Amino acid sequence: MTITPQTRPWHGVLVATALPLTDDLTVDYDKYAEHCDWLVGNGCDGVVPNGSLGEYQVLTPEERARVVETAVAAIGGARVMPGVAAYGSAEARRWAEQARDAGCQAVMLLPPNAYRADERSVLAHYAEVAKAGVPIVAYNNPIDTKVDLVPELLAKLHGEGYIHAVKEFSGDVRRAYQLAEVAPDLDLLIGADDVLLELALAGAKGWVAGYPNALPAATVELYHAAVSGDLDTAKRLYEQLHPLLRWDSKVEFVQAIKLSMDVVGRHGGSCRPPRVPLLPEQEAVIRAATEKAVAAGLS
């Protein structure tokens, strides 16, 4: 696929979708399809199924494939960028092929995360998955994977043609400027909700987002205000939303976002083990912050 500014499905607001489960913790595919359609209808540009927020680690292979197919059927493959992370490079490549065959035009890939991989291993991993022939957005999450895709390594991956963008979740906003120097054609995507404004001002081309699952209209407005330089609007919304956005960078981010979804009348629901319910004091903080945002007219 030839990448042009018009064929970069990772631009804009892509929601790392929470996955609705039934009371017995099976996947509710009908609710998931409706959720994807609702997000796009509220201004989001696409979805990222099978990310950490989608609890991909505790899905069966059959469930994981069907989640991708459900999203594509609901909103079209051009709007779906699945996570294809796996312990083995061959398995990650197979997930990239599954996404490609389902009609997706890009995938998101963590570095090797079964161990603390060195640079040679990282390069080999991305080279293998790139053989699937679908554009790759790298996902840098050194907090969880213990493998840090530093700007110099990202520049090598981009120079080899293995990746076209990076979801940056390190929290270090200084890296945006380093990355622009060493890999100016590599698209930077906001990877953590609570550094949205900082990375938008640094030139981010998109946002792989968590909190639009609960408040899509307000968060999309925030993103567009930030990237367009409307700082009065962006600062106001950022201050109003930040008590929620910061939960995207906490261990309990899946439970937090699902709770906010419940509060606003969406189906958030439970998580699969080993994730456990929020502590009462955590639930109280998130519920109060969500109710305050809704009372302020944010949706």
C-alpha atoms as a PDB file:
ATOM      1  CA  MET A   1       0.000   0.000   0.000  1.00  0.00           C
ATOM      2  CA  THR A   2       1.352   3.422  -0.939  1.00  0.00           C
ATOM      3  CA  ILE A   3       1.120   5.791   2.020  1.00  0.00           C
ATOM      4  CA  THR A   4      -0.032   9.316   1.207  1.00  0.00           C
ATOM      5  CA  PRO A   5      -1.497  12.060   3.405  1.00  0.00           C
ATOM      6  CA  GLN A   6      -4.923  10.899   2.208  1.00  0.00           C
ATOM      7  CA  THR A   7      -4.361   7.235   3.129  1.00  0.00           C
ATOM      8  CA  ARG A   8      -3.267   7.484   6.748  1.00  0.00           C
ATOM      9  CA  PRO A   9      -6.100   5.894   8.720  1.00  0.00           C
ATOM     10  CA  TRP A  10      -4.266   6.622  11.972  1.00  0.00           C
ATOM     11  CA  HIS A  11      -4.890  10.381  11.641  1.00  0.00           C
ATOM     12  CA  GLY A  12      -7.538  11.927  13.867  1.00  0.00           C
ATOM     13  CA  VAL A  13      -9.248  10.468  16.932  1.00  0.00           C
ATOM     14  CA  LEU A  14      -9.059   6.676  17.044  1.00  0.00           C
ATOM     15  CA  VAL A  15     -10.731   5.198  20.092  1.00  0.00           C
ATOM     16  CA  ALA A  16      -9.084   2.279  21.830  1.00  0.00           C
ATOM     17  CA  THR A  17     -12.405   0.608  22.411  1.00  0.00           C
ATOM     18  CA  ALA A  18     -13.537  -0.883  25.675  1.00  0.00           C
ATOM     19  CA  LEU A  19     -15.138  -4.275  25.150  1.00  0.00           C
ATOM     20  CA  PRO A  20     -18.687  -4.844  26.449  1.00  0.00           C
ATOM     21  CA  LEU A  21     -19.138  -8.103  28.311  1.00  0.00           C
ATOM     22  CA  THR A  22     -22.305  -9.845  29.444  1.00  0.00           C
ATOM     23  CA  ASP A  23     -23.007 -10.776  33.060  1.00  0.00           C
ATOM     24  CA  ASP A  24     -21.205 -14.083  32.539  1.00  0.00           C
ATOM     25  CA  LEU A  25     -18.232 -12.227  30.983  1.00  0.00           C
ATOM     26  CA  THR A  26     -18.784 -13.372  27.419  1.00  0.00           C
ATOM     27  CA  VAL A  27     -18.298 -10.776  24.687  1.00  0.00           C
ATOM     28  CA  ASP A  28     -21.436  -8.904  23.671  1.00  0.00           C
ATOM     29  CA  TYR A  29     -20.721  -8.447  19.969  1.00  0.00           C
ATOM     30  CA  ASP A  30     -24.002  -6.666  19.251  1.00  0.00           C
ATOM     31  CA  LYS A  31     -23.252  -4.037  21.890  1.00  0.00           C
ATOM     32  CA  TYR A  32     -19.706  -3.725  20.568  1.00  0.00           C
ATOM     33  CA  ALA A  33     -20.926  -3.093  17.027  1.00  0.00           C
ATOM     34  CA  GLU A  34     -23.360  -0.473  18.320  1.00  0.00           C
ATOM     35  CA  HIS A  35     -20.578   1.142  20.365  1.00  0.00           C
ATOM     36  CA  CYS A  36     -18.274   1.454  17.354  1.00  0.00           C
ATOM     37  CA  ASP A  37     -21.079   3.005  15.308  1.00  0.00           C
ATOM     38  CA  TRP A  38     -21.958   5.397  18.168  1.00  0.00           C
ATOM     39  CA  LEU A  39     -18.362   6.573  18.468  1.00  0.00           C
ATOM     40  CA  VAL A  40     -18.111   7.390  14.770  1.00  0.00           C
ATOM     41  CA  GLY A  41     -21.512   9.048  14.907  1.00  0.00           C
ATOM     42  CA  ASN A  42     -20.202  11.294  17.673  1.00  0.00           C
ATOM     43  CA  GLY A  43     -17.221  12.530  15.695  1.00  0.00           C
ATOM     44  CA  CYS A  44     -14.520   9.935  16.262  1.00  0.00           C
ATOM     45  CA  ASP A  45     -12.533   8.950  13.181  1.00  0.00           C
ATOM     46  CA  GLY A  46     -12.156   5.255  13.938  1.00  0.00           C
ATOM     47  CA  VAL A  47     -11.536   2.543  16.500  1.00  0.00           C
ATOM     48  CA  VAL A  48      -8.664   0.429  17.761  1.00  0.00           C
ATOM     49  CA  PRO A  49      -9.993  -2.976  18.854  1.00  0.00           C
ATOM     50  CA  ASN A  50      -7.843  -5.478  20.730  1.00  0.00           C
ATOM     51  CA  GLY A  51      -5.739  -2.940  22.560  1.00  0.00           C
ATOM     52  CA  SER A  52      -5.086  -3.112  26.279  1.00  0.00           C
ATOM     53  CA  LEU A  53      -8.327  -1.241  26.909  1.00  0.00           C
ATOM     54  CA  GLY A  54     -10.072  -3.952  24.894  1.00  0.00           C
ATOM     55  CA  GLU A  55      -8.647  -6.643  27.208  1.00  0.00           C
ATOM     56  CA  TYR A  56      -7.090  -8.515  24.278  1.00  0.00           C
ATOM     57  CA  GLN A  57      -4.797 -10.480  26.580  1.00  0.00           C
ATOM     58  CA  VAL A  58      -7.737 -12.417  28.048  1.00  0.00           C
ATOM     59  CA  LEU A  59      -9.606 -13.109  24.801  1.00  0.00           C
ATOM     60  CA  THR A  60      -9.569 -16.435  23.007  1.00  0.00           C
ATOM     61  CA  PRO A  61      -8.226 -16.392  19.437  1.00  0.00           C
ATOM     62  CA  GLU A  62     -11.772 -16.836  18.166  1.00  0.00           C
ATOM     63  CA  GLU A  63     -13.037 -13.896  20.220  1.00  0.00           C
ATOM     64  CA  ARG A  64     -10.150 -11.697  19.187  1.00  0.00           C
ATOM     65  CA  ALA A  65     -10.743 -12.333  15.491  1.00  0.00           C
ATOM     66  CA  ARG A  66     -14.485 -11.803  15.802  1.00  0.00           C
ATOM     67  CA  VAL A  67     -13.989  -8.477  17.600  1.00  0.00           C
ATOM     68  CA  VAL A  68     -12.073  -7.180  14.564  1.00  0.00           C
ATOM     69  CA  GLU A  69     -14.658  -8.537  12.150  1.00  0.00           C
ATOM     70  CA  THR A  70     -17.476  -6.988  14.198  1.00  0.00           C
ATOM     71  CA  ALA A  71     -15.854  -3.548  14.123  1.00  0.00           C
ATOM     72  CA  VAL A  72     -15.234  -3.755  10.374  1.00  0.00           C
ATOM     73  CA  ALA A  73     -18.829  -4.813   9.707  1.00  0.00           C
ATOM     74  CA  ALA A  74     -20.085  -1.917  11.835  1.00  0.00           C
ATOM     75  CA  ILE A  75     -18.023   0.998  10.498  1.00  0.00           C
ATOM     76  CA  GLY A  76     -15.848  -0.256   7.620  1.00  0.00           C
ATOM     77  CA  GLY A  77     -12.264  -1.461   7.528  1.00  0.00           C
ATOM     78  CA  ALA A  78     -10.779   1.949   6.756  1.00  0.00           C
ATOM     79  CA  ARG A  79     -11.869   3.089  10.230  1.00  0.00           C
ATOM     80  CA  VAL A  80     -10.509   0.058  12.117  1.00  0.00           C
ATOM     81  CA  MET A  81      -6.872  -0.265  13.268  1.00  0.00           C
ATOM     82  CA  PRO A  82      -6.586  -3.399  15.415  1.00  0.00           C
ATOM     83  CA  GLY A  83      -3.927  -4.072  17.971  1.00  0.00           C
ATOM     84  CA  VAL A  84      -1.903  -7.099  16.864  1.00  0.00           C
ATOM     85  CA  ALA A  85       0.400  -7.539  19.850  1.00  0.00           C
ATOM     86  CA  ALA A  86       1.497 -11.077  20.723  1.00  0.00           C
ATOM     87  CA  TYR A  87       4.344 -12.765  22.551  1.00  0.00           C
ATOM     88  CA  GLY A  88       5.726 -14.224  19.338  1.00  0.00           C
ATOM     89  CA  SER A  89       6.524 -12.376  16.122  1.00  0.00           C
ATOM     90  CA  ALA A  90       4.916 -15.100  14.003  1.00  0.00           C
ATOM     91  CA  GLU A  91       1.689 -14.827  15.975  1.00  0.00           C
ATOM     92  CA  ALA A  92       1.683 -11.033  15.710  1.00  0.00           C
ATOM     93  CA  ARG A  93       2.181 -11.375  11.962  1.00  0.00           C
ATOM     94  CA  ARG A  94      -0.798 -13.743  11.774  1.00  0.00           C
ATOM     95  CA  TRP A  95      -2.948 -11.176  13.603  1.00  0.00           C
ATOM     96  CA  ALA A  96      -1.780  -8.508  11.140  1.00  0.00           C
ATOM     97  CA  GLU A  97      -2.750 -10.811   8.284  1.00  0.00           C
ATOM     98  CA  GLN A  98      -6.150 -11.433   9.868  1.00  0.00           C
ATOM     99  CA  ALA A  99      -6.715  -7.691  10.155  1.00  0.00           C
ATOM    100  CA  ARG A 100      -5.601  -7.163   6.560  1.00  0.00           C
ATOM    101  CA  ASP A 101      -7.904  -9.881   5.280  1.00  0.00           C
ATOM    102  CA  ALA A 102     -10.803  -8.414   7.271  1.00  0.00           C
ATOM    103  CA  GLY A 103     -10.344  -5.142   5.397  1.00  0.00           C
ATOM    104  CA  CYS A 104      -8.299  -3.069   7.854  1.00  0.00           C
ATOM    105  CA  GLN A 105      -5.766  -0.643   6.390  1.00  0.00           C
ATOM    106  CA  ALA A 106      -3.418  -0.356   9.380  1.00  0.00           C
ATOM    107  CA  VAL A 107      -2.527  -2.180  12.592  1.00  0.00           C
ATOM    108  CA  MET A 108      -0.959  -1.197  15.906  1.00  0.00           C
ATOM    109  CA  LEU A 109       1.965  -3.229  17.240  1.00  0.00           C
ATOM    110  CA  LEU A 110       3.796  -3.322  20.565  1.00  0.00           C
ATOM    111  CA  PRO A 111       7.453  -4.364  20.615  1.00  0.00           C
ATOM    112  CA  PRO A 112       8.262  -7.863  21.894  1.00  0.00           C
ATOM    113  CA  ASN A 113       6.816  -8.011  25.395  1.00  0.00           C
ATOM    114  CA  ALA A 114       7.580 -11.493  26.662  1.00  0.00           C
ATOM    115  CA  TYR A 115      10.999 -10.282  27.845  1.00  0.00           C
ATOM    116  CA  ARG A 116      13.149  -7.153  27.849  1.00  0.00           C
ATOM    117  CA  ALA A 117      14.076  -7.247  24.156  1.00  0.00           C
ATOM    118  CA  ASP A 118      17.188  -5.580  22.816  1.00  0.00           C
ATOM    119  CA  GLU A 119      17.353  -3.408  19.706  1.00  0.00           C
ATOM    120  CA  ARG A 120      18.138  -6.277  17.343  1.00  0.00           C
ATOM    121  CA  SER A 121      15.120  -8.210  18.579  1.00  0.00           C
ATOM    122  CA  VAL A 122      12.851  -5.192  18.228  1.00  0.00           C
ATOM    123  CA  LEU A 123      13.960  -4.607  14.653  1.00  0.00           C
ATOM    124  CA  ALA A 124      13.480  -8.282  13.783  1.00  0.00           C
ATOM    125  CA  HIS A 125      10.020  -8.302  15.376  1.00  0.00           C
ATOM    126  CA  TYR A 126       8.738  -5.363  13.357  1.00  0.00           C
ATOM    127  CA  ALA A 127      10.394  -6.693  10.200  1.00  0.00           C
ATOM    128  CA  GLU A 128       8.508  -9.973  10.572  1.00  0.00           C
ATOM    129  CA  VAL A 129       5.107  -8.388  11.145  1.00  0.00           C
ATOM    130  CA  ALA A 130       5.678  -5.938   8.289  1.00  0.00           C
ATOM    131  CA  LYS A 131       5.703  -8.938   5.936  1.00  0.00           C
ATOM    132  CA  ALA A 132       1.905  -8.990   6.294  1.00  0.00           C
ATOM    133  CA  GLY A 133       1.877  -5.968   4.018  1.00  0.00           C
ATOM    134  CA  VAL A 134      -0.334  -3.747   6.163  1.00  0.00           C
ATOM    135  CA  PRO A 135       0.983  -0.410   7.514  1.00  0.00           C
ATOM    136  CA  ILE A 136       2.124  -0.599  11.125  1.00  0.00           C
ATOM    137  CA  VAL A 137       1.743   1.964  13.870  1.00  0.00           C
ATOM    138  CA  ALA A 138       4.251   1.213  16.603  1.00  0.00           C
ATOM    139  CA  TYR A 139       3.046   1.384  20.195  1.00  0.00           C
ATOM    140  CA  ASN A 140       5.620   2.602  22.685  1.00  0.00           C
ATOM    141  CA  ASN A 141       4.586   1.651  26.214  1.00  0.00           C
ATOM    142  CA  PRO A 142       7.797   1.181  28.213  1.00  0.00           C
ATOM    143  CA  ILE A 143       5.840   1.267  31.465  1.00  0.00           C
ATOM    144  CA  ASP A 144       4.106  -2.038  30.742  1.00  0.00           C
ATOM    145  CA  THR A 145       6.410  -3.750  28.233  1.00  0.00           C
ATOM    146  CA  LYS A 146       9.793  -2.706  29.717  1.00  0.00           C
ATOM    147  CA  VAL A 147      10.931  -2.165  26.114  1.00  0.00           C
ATOM    148  CA  ASP A 148      11.424   1.495  25.287  1.00  0.00           C
ATOM    149  CA  LEU A 149      11.093   2.607  21.678  1.00  0.00           C
ATOM    150  CA  VAL A 150      13.290   5.663  22.050  1.00  0.00           C
ATOM    151  CA  PRO A 151      13.343   8.216  19.210  1.00  0.00           C
ATOM    152  CA  GLU A 152      16.570   6.852  17.719  1.00  0.00           C
ATOM    153  CA  LEU A 153      15.142   3.319  17.564  1.00  0.00           C
ATOM    154  CA  LEU A 154      11.873   4.560  16.098  1.00  0.00           C
ATOM    155  CA  ALA A 155      13.891   6.373  13.442  1.00  0.00           C
ATOM    156  CA  LYS A 156      15.578   3.084  12.511  1.00  0.00           C
ATOM    157  CA  LEU A 157      12.258   1.255  12.329  1.00  0.00           C
ATOM    158  CA  HIS A 158      10.849   4.002  10.143  1.00  0.00           C
ATOM    159  CA  GLY A 159      13.943   4.161   7.990  1.00  0.00           C
ATOM    160  CA  GLU A 160      13.635   0.451   7.267  1.00  0.00           C
ATOM    161  CA  GLY A 161      10.014   0.966   6.222  1.00  0.00           C
ATOM    162  CA  TYR A 162       8.620  -1.153   9.055  1.00  0.00           C
ATOM    163  CA  ILE A 163       6.479   1.552  10.717  1.00  0.00           C
ATOM    164  CA  HIS A 164       4.658   4.687   9.634  1.00  0.00           C
ATOM    165  CA  ALA A 165       3.604   6.180  12.973  1.00  0.00           C
ATOM    166  CA  VAL A 166       3.994   5.700  16.708  1.00  0.00           C
ATOM    167  CA  LYS A 167       1.528   5.793  19.554  1.00  0.00           C
ATOM    168  CA  GLU A 168       3.655   7.450  22.236  1.00  0.00           C
ATOM    169  CA  PHE A 169       2.741   6.429  25.783  1.00  0.00           C
ATOM    170  CA  SER A 170       5.961   7.103  27.664  1.00  0.00           C
ATOM    171  CA  GLY A 171       4.533  10.313  29.109  1.00  0.00           C
ATOM    172  CA  ASP A 172       7.723  12.178  28.205  1.00  0.00           C
ATOM    173  CA  VAL A 173       6.474  14.972  25.945  1.00  0.00           C
ATOM    174  CA  ARG A 174      10.048  16.030  25.197  1.00  0.00           C
ATOM    175  CA  ARG A 175      10.334  13.028  22.925  1.00  0.00           C
ATOM    176  CA  ALA A 176       7.982  14.611  20.407  1.00  0.00           C
ATOM    177  CA  TYR A 177      10.624  17.169  19.534  1.00  0.00           C
ATOM    178  CA  GLN A 178      13.443  14.623  19.456  1.00  0.00           C
ATOM    179  CA  LEU A 179      11.364  12.420  17.176  1.00  0.00           C
ATOM    180  CA  ALA A 180      10.663  15.315  14.815  1.00  0.00           C
ATOM    181  CA  GLU A 181      14.416  15.831  14.482  1.00  0.00           C
ATOM    182  CA  VAL A 182      15.483  12.225  13.854  1.00  0.00           C
ATOM    183  CA  ALA A 183      12.384  10.982  11.960  1.00  0.00           C
ATOM    184  CA  PRO A 184      10.489  14.012  10.607  1.00  0.00           C
ATOM    185  CA  ASP A 185       8.215  11.890   8.384  1.00  0.00           C
ATOM    186  CA  LEU A 186       7.136   9.533  11.164  1.00  0.00           C
ATOM    187  CA  ASP A 187       3.660  10.464  12.419  1.00  0.00           C
ATOM    188  CA  LEU A 188       3.368  11.038  16.148  1.00  0.00           C
ATOM    189  CA  LEU A 189       0.132   9.875  17.795  1.00  0.00           C
ATOM    190  CA  ILE A 190      -0.955  10.894  21.266  1.00  0.00           C
ATOM    191  CA  GLY A 191      -0.893   7.697  23.288  1.00  0.00           C
ATOM    192  CA  ALA A 192      -2.006   8.811  26.753  1.00  0.00           C
ATOM    193  CA  ASP A 193      -5.084  10.918  27.379  1.00  0.00           C
ATOM    194  CA  ASP A 194      -3.464  13.068  30.070  1.00  0.00           C
ATOM    195  CA  VAL A 195      -0.750  14.487  27.778  1.00  0.00           C
ATOM    196  CA  LEU A 196      -3.119  15.249  24.901  1.00  0.00           C
ATOM    197  CA  LEU A 197      -2.664  19.016  24.884  1.00  0.00           C
ATOM    198  CA  GLU A 198       1.109  18.850  25.199  1.00  0.00           C
ATOM    199  CA  LEU A 199       1.558  16.369  22.341  1.00  0.00           C
ATOM    200  CA  ALA A 200      -1.042  18.081  20.154  1.00  0.00           C
ATOM    201  CA  LEU A 201       0.915  21.317  20.425  1.00  0.00           C
ATOM    202  CA  ALA A 202       4.062  19.356  19.562  1.00  0.00           C
ATOM    203  CA  GLY A 203       2.596  18.330  16.217  1.00  0.00           C
ATOM    204  CA  ALA A 204       0.728  15.064  16.813  1.00  0.00           C
ATOM    205  CA  LYS A 205      -1.269  13.798  13.834  1.00  0.00           C
ATOM    206  CA  GLY A 206      -3.701  11.661  15.785  1.00  0.00           C
ATOM    207  CA  TRP A 207      -4.831  10.376  19.157  1.00  0.00           C
ATOM    208  CA  VAL A 208      -5.293   6.740  20.173  1.00  0.00           C
ATOM    209  CA  ALA A 209      -7.755   7.624  22.872  1.00  0.00           C
ATOM    210  CA  GLY A 210      -9.420   6.104  25.891  1.00  0.00           C
ATOM    211  CA  TYR A 211     -11.958   8.531  27.321  1.00  0.00           C
ATOM    212  CA  PRO A 212     -13.966   9.090  24.132  1.00  0.00           C
ATOM    213  CA  ASN A 213     -15.495   5.723  25.057  1.00  0.00           C
ATOM    214  CA  ALA A 214     -17.533   7.690  27.606  1.00  0.00           C
ATOM    215  CA  LEU A 215     -17.430  11.313  26.437  1.00  0.00           C
ATOM    216  CA  PRO A 216     -16.814  11.344  22.673  1.00  0.00           C
ATOM    217  CA  ALA A 217     -18.185  14.765  21.721  1.00  0.00           C
ATOM    218  CA  ALA A 218     -16.249  16.674  24.380  1.00  0.00           C
ATOM    219  CA  THR A 219     -12.996  14.812  23.864  1.00  0.00           C
ATOM    220  CA  VAL A 220     -13.170  15.161  20.076  1.00  0.00           C
ATOM    221  CA  GLU A 221     -13.788  18.887  20.512  1.00  0.00           C
ATOM    222  CA  LEU A 222     -10.769  19.046  22.812  1.00  0.00           C
ATOM    223  CA  TYR A 223      -8.559  17.272  20.284  1.00  0.00           C
ATOM    224  CA  HIS A 224      -9.566  19.491  17.379  1.00  0.00           C
ATOM    225  CA  ALA A 225      -9.168  22.646  19.435  1.00  0.00           C
ATOM    226  CA  ALA A 226      -5.692  21.536  20.508  1.00  0.00           C
ATOM    227  CA  VAL A 227      -4.386  20.601  17.063  1.00  0.00           C
ATOM    228  CA  SER A 228      -5.869  23.720  15.464  1.00  0.00           C
ATOM    229  CA  GLY A 229      -4.297  26.043  18.009  1.00  0.00           C
ATOM    230  CA  ASP A 230      -7.555  27.185  19.634  1.00  0.00           C
ATOM    231  CA  LEU A 231      -5.886  27.320  23.020  1.00  0.00           C
ATOM    232  CA  ASP A 232      -8.706  29.049  24.871  1.00  0.00           C
ATOM    233  CA  THR A 233     -11.111  26.217  24.068  1.00  0.00           C
ATOM    234  CA  ALA A 234      -8.471  23.522  24.481  1.00  0.00           C
ATOM    235  CA  LYS A 235      -7.330  24.771  27.881  1.00  0.00           C
ATOM    236  CA  ARG A 236     -10.875  25.066  29.177  1.00  0.00           C
ATOM    237  CA  LEU A 237     -11.828  21.558  28.095  1.00  0.00           C
ATOM    238  CA  TYR A 238      -8.513  20.068  29.196  1.00  0.00           C
ATOM    239  CA  GLU A 239      -8.927  21.471  32.688  1.00  0.00           C
ATOM    240  CA  GLN A 240     -12.492  20.190  32.880  1.00  0.00           C
ATOM    241  CA  LEU A 241     -11.623  16.719  31.598  1.00  0.00           C
ATOM    242  CA  HIS A 242      -8.196  16.143  33.117  1.00  0.00           C
ATOM    243  CA  PRO A 243      -9.511  14.629  36.382  1.00  0.00           C
ATOM    244  CA  LEU A 244     -10.794  11.811  34.133  1.00  0.00           C
ATOM    245  CA  LEU A 245      -8.106  11.787  31.445  1.00  0.00           C
ATOM    246  CA  ARG A 246      -5.378  11.055  34.003  1.00  0.00           C
ATOM    247  CA  TRP A 247      -6.974   7.695  34.746  1.00  0.00           C
ATOM    248  CA  ASP A 248      -5.887   6.543  31.291  1.00  0.00           C
ATOM    249  CA  SER A 249      -2.336   6.388  32.652  1.00  0.00           C
ATOM    250  CA  LYS A 250      -3.201   4.450  35.800  1.00  0.00           C
ATOM    251  CA  VAL A 251      -3.202   0.687  36.348  1.00  0.00           C
ATOM    252  CA  GLU A 252      -6.982   0.734  36.711  1.00  0.00           C
ATOM    253  CA  PHE A 253      -7.619   2.520  33.410  1.00  0.00           C
ATOM    254  CA  VAL A 254      -9.910  -0.169  31.983  1.00  0.00           C
ATOM    255  CA  GLN A 255     -12.123  -0.263  35.060  1.00  0.00           C
ATOM    256  CA  ALA A 256     -12.112   3.549  35.283  1.00  0.00           C
ATOM    257  CA  ILE A 257     -13.210   4.141  31.705  1.00  0.00           C
ATOM    258  CA  LYS A 258     -15.847   1.416  31.905  1.00  0.00           C
ATOM    259  CA  LEU A 259     -17.231   3.003  35.073  1.00  0.00           C
ATOM    260  CA  SER A 260     -17.437   6.404  33.370  1.00  0.00           C
ATOM    261  CA  MET A 261     -19.286   4.718  30.513  1.00  0.00           C
ATOM    262  CA  ASP A 262     -21.795   3.311  32.987  1.00  0.00           C
ATOM    263  CA  VAL A 263     -22.254   6.712  34.622  1.00  0.00           C
ATOM    264  CA  VAL A 264     -23.114   8.417  31.316  1.00  0.00           C
ATOM    265  CA  GLY A 265     -25.528   5.676  30.315  1.00  0.00           C
ATOM    266  CA  ARG A 266     -23.310   3.582  28.070  1.00  0.00           C
ATOM    267  CA  HIS A 267     -22.527  -0.082  28.758  1.00  0.00           C
ATOM    268  CA  GLY A 268     -19.164  -0.273  30.480  1.00  0.00           C
ATOM    269  CA  GLY A 269     -19.671  -3.183  32.797  1.00  0.00           C
ATOM    270  CA  SER A 270     -17.226  -5.632  34.265  1.00  0.00           C
ATOM    271  CA  CYS A 271     -13.745  -6.736  33.242  1.00  0.00           C
ATOM    272  CA  ARG A 272     -12.354 -10.220  32.929  1.00  0.00           C
ATOM    273  CA  PRO A 273      -9.955 -11.466  35.593  1.00  0.00           C
ATOM    274  CA  PRO A 274      -7.272 -10.869  36.636  1.00  0.00           C
ATOM    275  CA  ARG A 275      -8.632  -7.310  36.629  1.00  0.00           C
ATOM    276  CA  VAL A 276     -10.663  -6.781  39.776  1.00  0.00           C
ATOM    277  CA  PRO A 277     -13.299  -4.157  40.635  1.00  0.00           C
ATOM    278  CA  LEU A 278     -12.210  -0.683  41.656  1.00  0.00           C
ATOM    279  CA  LEU A 279     -11.757   0.096  45.329  1.00  0.00           C
ATOM    280  CA  PRO A 280     -14.690   2.063  46.779  1.00  0.00           C
ATOM    281  CA  GLU A 281     -12.600   5.195  47.131  1.00  0.00           C
ATOM    282  CA  GLN A 282     -11.427   4.935  43.508  1.00  0.00           C
ATOM    283  CA  GLU A 283     -14.969   4.415  42.282  1.00  0.00           C
ATOM    284  CA  ALA A 284     -16.146   7.443  44.246  1.00  0.00           C
ATOM    285  CA  VAL A 285     -13.492   9.706  42.692  1.00  0.00           C
ATOM    286  CA  ILE A 286     -14.198   8.557  39.124  1.00  0.00           C
ATOM    287  CA  ARG A 287     -17.958   8.683  39.539  1.00  0.00           C
ATOM    288  CA  ALA A 288     -17.818  12.209  40.984  1.00  0.00           C
ATOM    289  CA  ALA A 289     -15.497  13.448  38.215  1.00  0.00           C
ATOM    290  CA  THR A 290     -17.720  11.940  35.524  1.00  0.00           C
ATOM    291  CA  GLU A 291     -20.886  13.400  37.025  1.00  0.00           C
ATOM    292  CA  LYS A 292     -19.196  16.808  37.272  1.00  0.00           C
ATOM    293  CA  ALA A 293     -18.216  16.653  33.592  1.00  0.00           C
ATOM    294  CA  VAL A 294     -21.762  15.734  32.583  1.00  0.00           C
ATOM    295  CA  ALA A 295     -23.198  18.503  34.767  1.00  0.00           C
ATOM    296  CA  ALA A 296     -20.887  20.944  32.935  1.00  0.00           C
ATOM    297  CA  GLY A 297     -22.514  19.922  29.674  1.00  0.00           C
ATOM    298  CA  LEU A 298     -19.746  17.617  28.453  1.00  0.00           C
ATOM    299  CA  SER A 299     -20.811  14.487  26.616  1.00  0.00           C
END
